């Protein structure tokens, strides 16, 4: 008998906090579970199979339950409170996934809100059409951690650009920052700081179809390899 057979085997799941920004609001993709034994809205997820890695499970859930691929994702944290899932002992490995709004067209998105500032931390609330949604499991706490992670990395990393199309305006970058930070930013100092970082470069192209003077389009500057 293997020594492993002596121990109970909790289930391990991967859950995905799939985020985007629409009309200046931070959005999360949720699935309704009305027929499940755990009612409420939840992040899409799936159980880890014995022949799949965590990353392969993420890719499977993205493909099968969301219909997207090749988007940015990173591990957020593991959640293992004994009573977090009323169905049984389930440990969840949560991944943060980010993509432009166009990639989630037609999906069920909810507005993600927190009532705390900066990186204080705490739970989150979600709304659809002005109505608060009930979140299943511990996903209110998880989504609060998502906001904290995004705010913590926004100033020094390229994480915000994963929410934008390949070519974008400075206005769109500011909208992403404001949606994540939950506050308005002054345009001149924000743009100076943004350009001084050297993470984006002009494309020489301009947006089309607007009623006003077309804004210049930018793109991420390729990272230098060591």
Foldseek 3Di string as FASTA:
>chain_A
DDPVVVDDDFWEKEFEFEWAADPLFIKTFWDADPPDPWGWIETFMGTDDPPDDNVRRVQVRCCPVQNDDDADKDWQAKDFDQPLDVVGGYIYTYMYTAAEPVSRPPTDMWGKADPDAQLPFDFIWTDDPRHTTDYTGRVRRVVSSVLNVCSVCVLPDPVLCSNDPQKDFPVVSQSSVCNSRVHHDDPPVVVVSVVVVVQKDWPPDWDDDDPDDTGTIIGGDDDDDD
